[in-house]
Amino acid sequence: GSANYADSAKGRFTISRDNAKNTVYLQMNRLK
């Protein structure tokens, strides 16, 4: 669950994952 981001994504995007489902998500807010 340790995450890092590009500078352009920090504060706007959130990455998460569900290990049981082998799935990763990217929540993108305040899109430009």
PDB file of all heavy atoms in Angstrom:
ATOM      1  N   GLY A   1       0.771  -1.228   0.000  1.00  0.00           N
ATOM      2  CA  GLY A   1       0.000   0.000   0.000  1.00  0.00           C
ATOM      3  C   GLY A   1       0.802   1.278   0.000  1.00  0.00           C
ATOM      4  O   GLY A   1       0.226   2.368   0.115  1.00  0.00           O
ATOM      5  N   SER A   2       2.115   1.185  -0.135  1.00  0.00           N
ATOM      6  CA  SER A   2       2.943   2.382  -0.211  1.00  0.00           C
ATOM      7  C   SER A   2       2.881   2.956  -1.618  1.00  0.00           C
ATOM      8  O   SER A   2       3.158   2.257  -2.593  1.00  0.00           O
ATOM      9  CB  SER A   2       4.386   2.057   0.166  1.00  0.00           C
ATOM     10  OG  SER A   2       5.203   3.203   0.079  1.00  0.00           O
ATOM     11  N   ALA A   3       2.530   4.235  -1.727  1.00  0.00           N
ATOM     12  CA  ALA A   3       2.288   4.853  -3.017  1.00  0.00           C
ATOM     13  C   ALA A   3       3.215   6.031  -3.260  1.00  0.00           C
ATOM     14  O   ALA A   3       3.674   6.689  -2.322  1.00  0.00           O
ATOM     15  CB  ALA A   3       0.839   5.330  -3.115  1.00  0.00           C
ATOM     16  N   ASN A   4       3.500   6.283  -4.528  1.00  0.00           N
ATOM     17  CA  ASN A   4       4.158   7.518  -4.917  1.00  0.00           C
ATOM     18  C   ASN A   4       3.517   8.043  -6.190  1.00  0.00           C
ATOM     19  O   ASN A   4       2.855   7.309  -6.931  1.00  0.00           O
ATOM     20  CB  ASN A   4       5.671   7.360  -5.056  1.00  0.00           C
ATOM     21  CG  ASN A   4       6.087   6.256  -6.018  1.00  0.00           C
ATOM     22  OD1 ASN A   4       5.388   5.930  -6.971  1.00  0.00           O
ATOM     23  ND2 ASN A   4       7.260   5.683  -5.764  1.00  0.00           N
ATOM     24  N   TYR A   5       3.725   9.341  -6.432  1.00  0.00           N
ATOM     25  CA  TYR A   5       3.016  10.036  -7.493  1.00  0.00           C
ATOM     26  C   TYR A   5       3.946  10.956  -8.249  1.00  0.00           C
ATOM     27  O   TYR A   5       4.920  11.475  -7.694  1.00  0.00           O
ATOM     28  CB  TYR A   5       1.873  10.885  -6.927  1.00  0.00           C
ATOM     29  CG  TYR A   5       0.832  10.111  -6.168  1.00  0.00           C
ATOM     30  CD1 TYR A   5       0.962   9.875  -4.804  1.00  0.00           C
ATOM     31  CD2 TYR A   5      -0.295   9.626  -6.823  1.00  0.00           C
ATOM     32  CE1 TYR A   5       0.009   9.166  -4.110  1.00  0.00           C
ATOM     33  CE2 TYR A   5      -1.261   8.913  -6.131  1.00  0.00           C
ATOM     34  CZ  TYR A   5      -1.105   8.689  -4.779  1.00  0.00           C
ATOM     35  OH  TYR A   5      -2.066   7.984  -4.095  1.00  0.00           O
ATOM     36  N   ALA A   6       3.615  11.177  -9.497  1.00  0.00           N
ATOM     37  CA  ALA A   6       4.245  12.248 -10.236  1.00  0.00           C
ATOM     38  C   ALA A   6       3.836  13.583  -9.630  1.00  0.00           C
ATOM     39  O   ALA A   6       2.761  13.709  -9.037  1.00  0.00           O
ATOM     40  CB  ALA A   6       3.833  12.196 -11.708  1.00  0.00           C
ATOM     41  N   ASP A   7       4.694  14.588  -9.771  1.00  0.00           N
ATOM     42  CA  ASP A   7       4.383  15.893  -9.208  1.00  0.00           C
ATOM     43  C   ASP A   7       3.054  16.433  -9.726  1.00  0.00           C
ATOM     44  O   ASP A   7       2.304  17.076  -8.986  1.00  0.00           O
ATOM     45  CB  ASP A   7       5.503  16.885  -9.513  1.00  0.00           C
ATOM     46  CG  ASP A   7       6.764  16.613  -8.717  1.00  0.00           C
ATOM     47  OD1 ASP A   7       6.682  15.922  -7.682  1.00  0.00           O
ATOM     48  OD2 ASP A   7       7.834  17.102  -9.131  1.00  0.00           O
ATOM     49  N   SER A   8       2.755  16.177 -10.977  1.00  0.00           N
ATOM     50  CA  SER A   8       1.527  16.673 -11.571  1.00  0.00           C
ATOM     51  C   SER A   8       0.278  16.017 -10.992  1.00  0.00           C
ATOM     52  O   SER A   8      -0.820  16.560 -11.121  1.00  0.00           O
ATOM     53  CB  SER A   8       1.548  16.466 -13.088  1.00  0.00           C
ATOM     54  OG  SER A   8       1.655  15.087 -13.408  1.00  0.00           O
ATOM     55  N   ALA A   9       0.447  14.863 -10.357  1.00  0.00           N
ATOM     56  CA  ALA A   9      -0.685  14.127  -9.815  1.00  0.00           C
ATOM     57  C   ALA A   9      -0.878  14.324  -8.324  1.00  0.00           C
ATOM     58  O   ALA A   9      -1.968  14.061  -7.805  1.00  0.00           O
ATOM     59  CB  ALA A   9      -0.525  12.636 -10.110  1.00  0.00           C
ATOM     60  N   LYS A  10       0.139  14.763  -7.638  1.00  0.00           N
ATOM     61  CA  LYS A  10       0.074  14.901  -6.193  1.00  0.00           C
ATOM     62  C   LYS A  10      -1.046  15.852  -5.779  1.00  0.00           C
ATOM     63  O   LYS A  10      -1.189  16.933  -6.324  1.00  0.00           O
ATOM     64  CB  LYS A  10       1.410  15.403  -5.644  1.00  0.00           C
ATOM     65  CG  LYS A  10       2.541  14.398  -5.746  1.00  0.00           C
ATOM     66  CD  LYS A  10       3.843  14.975  -5.212  1.00  0.00           C
ATOM     67  CE  LYS A  10       4.970  13.971  -5.330  1.00  0.00           C
ATOM     68  NZ  LYS A  10       6.270  14.532  -4.874  1.00  0.00           N
ATOM     69  N   GLY A  11      -1.825  15.404  -4.810  1.00  0.00           N
ATOM     70  CA  GLY A  11      -2.916  16.217  -4.310  1.00  0.00           C
ATOM     71  C   GLY A  11      -4.201  16.097  -5.092  1.00  0.00           C
ATOM     72  O   GLY A  11      -5.248  16.559  -4.626  1.00  0.00           O
ATOM     73  N   ARG A  12      -4.145  15.503  -6.274  1.00  0.00           N
ATOM     74  CA  ARG A  12      -5.335  15.353  -7.109  1.00  0.00           C
ATOM     75  C   ARG A  12      -5.696  13.900  -7.372  1.00  0.00           C
ATOM     76  O   ARG A  12      -6.873  13.564  -7.469  1.00  0.00           O
ATOM     77  CB  ARG A  12      -5.155  16.076  -8.444  1.00  0.00           C
ATOM     78  CG  ARG A  12      -4.938  17.575  -8.329  1.00  0.00           C
ATOM     79  CD  ARG A  12      -4.975  18.237  -9.700  1.00  0.00           C
ATOM     80  NE  ARG A  12      -3.923  17.723 -10.578  1.00  0.00           N
ATOM     81  CZ  ARG A  12      -4.141  17.185 -11.779  1.00  0.00           C
ATOM     82  NH1 ARG A  12      -5.380  17.091 -12.247  1.00  0.00           N
ATOM     83  NH2 ARG A  12      -3.133  16.752 -12.511  1.00  0.00           N
ATOM     84  N   PHE A  13      -4.689  13.055  -7.511  1.00  0.00           N
ATOM     85  CA  PHE A  13      -4.909  11.650  -7.839  1.00  0.00           C
ATOM     86  C   PHE A  13      -4.611  10.777  -6.630  1.00  0.00           C
ATOM     87  O   PHE A  13      -3.723  11.087  -5.824  1.00  0.00           O
ATOM     88  CB  PHE A  13      -4.005  11.208  -8.990  1.00  0.00           C
ATOM     89  CG  PHE A  13      -4.284  11.863 -10.314  1.00  0.00           C
ATOM     90  CD1 PHE A  13      -5.257  12.833 -10.456  1.00  0.00           C
ATOM     91  CD2 PHE A  13      -3.547  11.497 -11.428  1.00  0.00           C
ATOM     92  CE1 PHE A  13      -5.503  13.437 -11.676  1.00  0.00           C
ATOM     93  CE2 PHE A  13      -3.785  12.082 -12.660  1.00  0.00           C
ATOM     94  CZ  PHE A  13      -4.760  13.056 -12.783  1.00  0.00           C
ATOM     95  N   THR A  14      -5.325   9.679  -6.529  1.00  0.00           N
ATOM     96  CA  THR A  14      -5.095   8.701  -5.482  1.00  0.00           C
ATOM     97  C   THR A  14      -5.074   7.308  -6.085  1.00  0.00           C
ATOM     98  O   THR A  14      -6.029   6.902  -6.750  1.00  0.00           O
ATOM     99  CB  THR A  14      -6.170   8.770  -4.393  1.00  0.00           C
ATOM    100  OG1 THR A  14      -6.215  10.083  -3.826  1.00  0.00           O
ATOM    101  CG2 THR A  14      -5.862   7.763  -3.286  1.00  0.00           C
ATOM    102  N   ILE A  15      -3.988   6.593  -5.858  1.00  0.00           N
ATOM    103  CA  ILE A  15      -3.894   5.221  -6.318  1.00  0.00           C
ATOM    104  C   ILE A  15      -4.194   4.287  -5.154  1.00  0.00           C
ATOM    105  O   ILE A  15      -3.809   4.550  -4.013  1.00  0.00           O
ATOM    106  CB  ILE A  15      -2.505   4.934  -6.929  1.00  0.00           C
ATOM    107  CG1 ILE A  15      -2.484   3.558  -7.610  1.00  0.00           C
ATOM    108  CG2 ILE A  15      -1.401   5.058  -5.897  1.00  0.00           C
ATOM    109  CD1 ILE A  15      -1.223   3.317  -8.435  1.00  0.00           C
ATOM    110  N   SER A  16      -4.896   3.221  -5.436  1.00  0.00           N
ATOM    111  CA  SER A  16      -5.224   2.231  -4.425  1.00  0.00           C
ATOM    112  C   SER A  16      -5.298   0.864  -5.090  1.00  0.00           C
ATOM    113  O   SER A  16      -5.274   0.753  -6.321  1.00  0.00           O
ATOM    114  CB  SER A  16      -6.547   2.573  -3.723  1.00  0.00           C
ATOM    115  OG  SER A  16      -7.617   2.590  -4.650  1.00  0.00           O
ATOM    116  N   ARG A  17      -5.397  -0.171  -4.281  1.00  0.00           N
ATOM    117  CA  ARG A  17      -5.471  -1.509  -4.845  1.00  0.00           C
ATOM    118  C   ARG A  17      -6.237  -2.445  -3.928  1.00  0.00           C
ATOM    119  O   ARG A  17      -6.326  -2.231  -2.718  1.00  0.00           O
ATOM    120  CB  ARG A  17      -4.069  -2.073  -5.124  1.00  0.00           C
ATOM    121  CG  ARG A  17      -3.200  -2.239  -3.889  1.00  0.00           C
ATOM    122  CD  ARG A  17      -1.760  -2.575  -4.286  1.00  0.00           C
ATOM    123  NE  ARG A  17      -1.629  -3.932  -4.795  1.00  0.00           N
ATOM    124  CZ  ARG A  17      -0.542  -4.411  -5.404  1.00  0.00           C
ATOM    125  NH1 ARG A  17       0.506  -3.614  -5.608  1.00  0.00           N
ATOM    126  NH2 ARG A  17      -0.499  -5.668  -5.819  1.00  0.00           N
ATOM    127  N   ASP A  18      -6.778  -3.467  -4.540  1.00  0.00           N
ATOM    128  CA  ASP A  18      -7.458  -4.541  -3.840  1.00  0.00           C
ATOM    129  C   ASP A  18      -6.681  -5.808  -4.171  1.00  0.00           C
ATOM    130  O   ASP A  18      -6.819  -6.365  -5.259  1.00  0.00           O
ATOM    131  CB  ASP A  18      -8.914  -4.651  -4.281  1.00  0.00           C
ATOM    132  CG  ASP A  18      -9.697  -5.675  -3.494  1.00  0.00           C
ATOM    133  OD1 ASP A  18      -9.089  -6.608  -2.928  1.00  0.00           O
ATOM    134  OD2 ASP A  18     -10.938  -5.559  -3.442  1.00  0.00           O
ATOM    135  N   ASN A  19      -5.856  -6.243  -3.251  1.00  0.00           N
ATOM    136  CA  ASN A  19      -4.986  -7.379  -3.522  1.00  0.00           C
ATOM    137  C   ASN A  19      -5.767  -8.671  -3.757  1.00  0.00           C
ATOM    138  O   ASN A  19      -5.346  -9.524  -4.532  1.00  0.00           O
ATOM    139  CB  ASN A  19      -3.998  -7.567  -2.378  1.00  0.00           C
ATOM    140  CG  ASN A  19      -2.964  -6.461  -2.307  1.00  0.00           C
ATOM    141  OD1 ASN A  19      -2.681  -5.791  -3.308  1.00  0.00           O
ATOM    142  ND2 ASN A  19      -2.386  -6.259  -1.137  1.00  0.00           N
ATOM    143  N   ALA A  20      -6.896  -8.817  -3.079  1.00  0.00           N
ATOM    144  CA  ALA A  20      -7.705 -10.014  -3.251  1.00  0.00           C
ATOM    145  C   ALA A  20      -8.265 -10.123  -4.658  1.00  0.00           C
ATOM    146  O   ALA A  20      -8.524 -11.222  -5.153  1.00  0.00           O
ATOM    147  CB  ALA A  20      -8.840 -10.043  -2.230  1.00  0.00           C
ATOM    148  N   LYS A  21      -8.467  -8.983  -5.313  1.00  0.00           N
ATOM    149  CA  LYS A  21      -9.010  -8.956  -6.668  1.00  0.00           C
ATOM    150  C   LYS A  21      -7.951  -8.681  -7.727  1.00  0.00           C
ATOM    151  O   LYS A  21      -8.285  -8.586  -8.910  1.00  0.00           O
ATOM    152  CB  LYS A  21     -10.113  -7.903  -6.772  1.00  0.00           C
ATOM    153  CG  LYS A  21     -11.307  -8.166  -5.877  1.00  0.00           C
ATOM    154  CD  LYS A  21     -12.356  -7.081  -6.032  1.00  0.00           C
ATOM    155  CE  LYS A  21     -13.558  -7.350  -5.158  1.00  0.00           C
ATOM    156  NZ  LYS A  21     -14.592  -6.291  -5.290  1.00  0.00           N
ATOM    157  N   ASN A  22      -6.697  -8.546  -7.316  1.00  0.00           N
ATOM    158  CA  ASN A  22      -5.611  -8.195  -8.236  1.00  0.00           C
ATOM    159  C   ASN A  22      -5.968  -6.974  -9.076  1.00  0.00           C
ATOM    160  O   ASN A  22      -5.748  -6.946 -10.293  1.00  0.00           O
ATOM    161  CB  ASN A  22      -5.263  -9.384  -9.139  1.00  0.00           C
ATOM    162  CG  ASN A  22      -4.620 -10.523  -8.377  1.00  0.00           C
ATOM    163  OD1 ASN A  22      -3.880 -10.308  -7.423  1.00  0.00           O
ATOM    164  ND2 ASN A  22      -4.893 -11.749  -8.804  1.00  0.00           N
ATOM    165  N   THR A  23      -6.500  -5.971  -8.418  1.00  0.00           N
ATOM    166  CA  THR A  23      -7.010  -4.796  -9.098  1.00  0.00           C
ATOM    167  C   THR A  23      -6.389  -3.531  -8.519  1.00  0.00           C
ATOM    168  O   THR A  23      -6.236  -3.408  -7.303  1.00  0.00           O
ATOM    169  CB  THR A  23      -8.537  -4.722  -8.979  1.00  0.00           C
ATOM    170  OG1 THR A  23      -9.116  -5.880  -9.587  1.00  0.00           O
ATOM    171  CG2 THR A  23      -9.079  -3.481  -9.675  1.00  0.00           C
ATOM    172  N   VAL A  24      -6.047  -2.611  -9.404  1.00  0.00           N
ATOM    173  CA  VAL A  24      -5.527  -1.318  -9.008  1.00  0.00           C
ATOM    174  C   VAL A  24      -6.460  -0.240  -9.542  1.00  0.00           C
ATOM    175  O   VAL A  24      -7.046  -0.387 -10.624  1.00  0.00           O
ATOM    176  CB  VAL A  24      -4.083  -1.105  -9.511  1.00  0.00           C
ATOM    177  CG1 VAL A  24      -4.022  -1.091 -11.032  1.00  0.00           C
ATOM    178  CG2 VAL A  24      -3.491   0.174  -8.936  1.00  0.00           C
ATOM    179  N   TYR A  25      -6.596   0.836  -8.782  1.00  0.00           N
ATOM    180  CA  TYR A  25      -7.487   1.929  -9.129  1.00  0.00           C
ATOM    181  C   TYR A  25      -6.705   3.233  -9.161  1.00  0.00           C
ATOM    182  O   TYR A  25      -5.697   3.397  -8.470  1.00  0.00           O
ATOM    183  CB  TYR A  25      -8.626   2.061  -8.117  1.00  0.00           C
ATOM    184  CG  TYR A  25      -9.391   0.791  -7.866  1.00  0.00           C
ATOM    185  CD1 TYR A  25      -9.029  -0.073  -6.837  1.00  0.00           C
ATOM    186  CD2 TYR A  25     -10.480   0.454  -8.658  1.00  0.00           C
ATOM    187  CE1 TYR A  25      -9.733  -1.235  -6.598  1.00  0.00           C
ATOM    188  CE2 TYR A  25     -11.191  -0.711  -8.426  1.00  0.00           C
ATOM    189  CZ  TYR A  25     -10.814  -1.551  -7.395  1.00  0.00           C
ATOM    190  OH  TYR A  25     -11.517  -2.711  -7.166  1.00  0.00           O
ATOM    191  N   LEU A  26      -7.196   4.154  -9.939  1.00  0.00           N
ATOM    192  CA  LEU A  26      -6.671   5.509  -9.940  1.00  0.00           C
ATOM    193  C   LEU A  26      -7.848   6.470  -9.892  1.00  0.00           C
ATOM    194  O   LEU A  26      -8.578   6.608 -10.875  1.00  0.00           O
ATOM    195  CB  LEU A  26      -5.808   5.785 -11.172  1.00  0.00           C
ATOM    196  CG  LEU A  26      -5.120   7.148 -11.190  1.00  0.00           C
ATOM    197  CD1 LEU A  26      -4.066   7.230 -10.083  1.00  0.00           C
ATOM    198  CD2 LEU A  26      -4.485   7.427 -12.550  1.00  0.00           C
ATOM    199  N   GLN A  27      -8.027   7.096  -8.745  1.00  0.00           N
ATOM    200  CA  GLN A  27      -9.047   8.120  -8.587  1.00  0.00           C
ATOM    201  C   GLN A  27      -8.447   9.452  -8.995  1.00  0.00           C
ATOM    202  O   GLN A  27      -7.465   9.901  -8.405  1.00  0.00           O
ATOM    203  CB  GLN A  27      -9.542   8.180  -7.144  1.00  0.00           C
ATOM    204  CG  GLN A  27     -10.581   9.259  -6.878  1.00  0.00           C
ATOM    205  CD  GLN A  27     -11.889   8.996  -7.580  1.00  0.00           C
ATOM    206  OE1 GLN A  27     -12.395   7.877  -7.548  1.00  0.00           O
ATOM    207  NE2 GLN A  27     -12.433  10.018  -8.229  1.00  0.00           N
ATOM    208  N   MET A  28      -9.032  10.078  -9.988  1.00  0.00           N
ATOM    209  CA  MET A  28      -8.522  11.322 -10.524  1.00  0.00           C
ATOM    210  C   MET A  28      -9.542  12.420 -10.282  1.00  0.00           C
ATOM    211  O   MET A  28     -10.663  12.360 -10.793  1.00  0.00           O
ATOM    212  CB  MET A  28      -8.225  11.191 -12.019  1.00  0.00           C
ATOM    213  CG  MET A  28      -7.243  10.071 -12.351  1.00  0.00           C
ATOM    214  SD  MET A  28      -6.787  10.028 -14.100  1.00  0.00           S
ATOM    215  CE  MET A  28      -8.370   9.577 -14.817  1.00  0.00           C
ATOM    216  N   ASN A  29      -9.143  13.417  -9.512  1.00  0.00           N
ATOM    217  CA  ASN A  29      -9.999  14.544  -9.178  1.00  0.00           C
ATOM    218  C   ASN A  29      -9.410  15.828  -9.725  1.00  0.00           C
ATOM    219  O   ASN A  29      -8.212  15.919  -9.989  1.00  0.00           O
ATOM    220  CB  ASN A  29     -10.173  14.658  -7.668  1.00  0.00           C
ATOM    221  CG  ASN A  29     -10.829  13.448  -7.046  1.00  0.00           C
ATOM    222  OD1 ASN A  29     -11.721  12.845  -7.632  1.00  0.00           O
ATOM    223  ND2 ASN A  29     -10.402  13.099  -5.837  1.00  0.00           N
ATOM    224  N   ARG A  30     -10.270  16.833  -9.858  1.00  0.00           N
ATOM    225  CA  ARG A  30      -9.863  18.146 -10.347  1.00  0.00           C
ATOM    226  C   ARG A  30      -9.033  18.019 -11.620  1.00  0.00           C
ATOM    227  O   ARG A  30      -7.945  18.585 -11.737  1.00  0.00           O
ATOM    228  CB  ARG A  30      -9.100  18.915  -9.266  1.00  0.00           C
ATOM    229  CG  ARG A  30      -9.915  19.116  -7.977  1.00  0.00           C
ATOM    230  CD  ARG A  30      -9.256  20.067  -7.003  1.00  0.00           C
ATOM    231  NE  ARG A  30      -7.925  19.648  -6.605  1.00  0.00           N
ATOM    232  CZ  ARG A  30      -7.674  18.725  -5.693  1.00  0.00           C
ATOM    233  NH1 ARG A  30      -8.670  18.104  -5.075  1.00  0.00           N
ATOM    234  NH2 ARG A  30      -6.416  18.424  -5.389  1.00  0.00           N
ATOM    235  N   LEU A  31      -9.580  17.295 -12.557  1.00  0.00           N
ATOM    236  CA  LEU A  31      -8.863  17.015 -13.793  1.00  0.00           C
ATOM    237  C   LEU A  31      -8.639  18.279 -14.604  1.00  0.00           C
ATOM    238  O   LEU A  31      -9.464  19.198 -14.616  1.00  0.00           O
ATOM    239  CB  LEU A  31      -9.627  15.990 -14.620  1.00  0.00           C
ATOM    240  CG  LEU A  31      -9.493  14.547 -14.119  1.00  0.00           C
ATOM    241  CD1 LEU A  31     -10.610  13.679 -14.674  1.00  0.00           C
ATOM    242  CD2 LEU A  31      -8.130  13.988 -14.491  1.00  0.00           C
ATOM    243  N   LYS A  32      -7.511  18.302 -15.285  1.00  0.00           N
ATOM    244  CA  LYS A  32      -7.104  19.422 -16.110  1.00  0.00           C
ATOM    245  C   LYS A  32      -6.953  18.962 -17.554  1.00  0.00           C
ATOM    246  O   LYS A  32      -6.720  17.784 -17.813  1.00  0.00           O
ATOM    247  CB  LYS A  32      -5.764  19.984 -15.619  1.00  0.00           C
ATOM    248  CG  LYS A  32      -5.750  20.402 -14.158  1.00  0.00           C
ATOM    249  CD  LYS A  32      -4.350  20.826 -13.738  1.00  0.00           C
ATOM    250  CE  LYS A  32      -4.305  21.232 -12.281  1.00  0.00           C
ATOM    251  NZ  LYS A  32      -2.935  21.613 -11.853  1.00  0.00           N
TER     252      LYS A  32
END
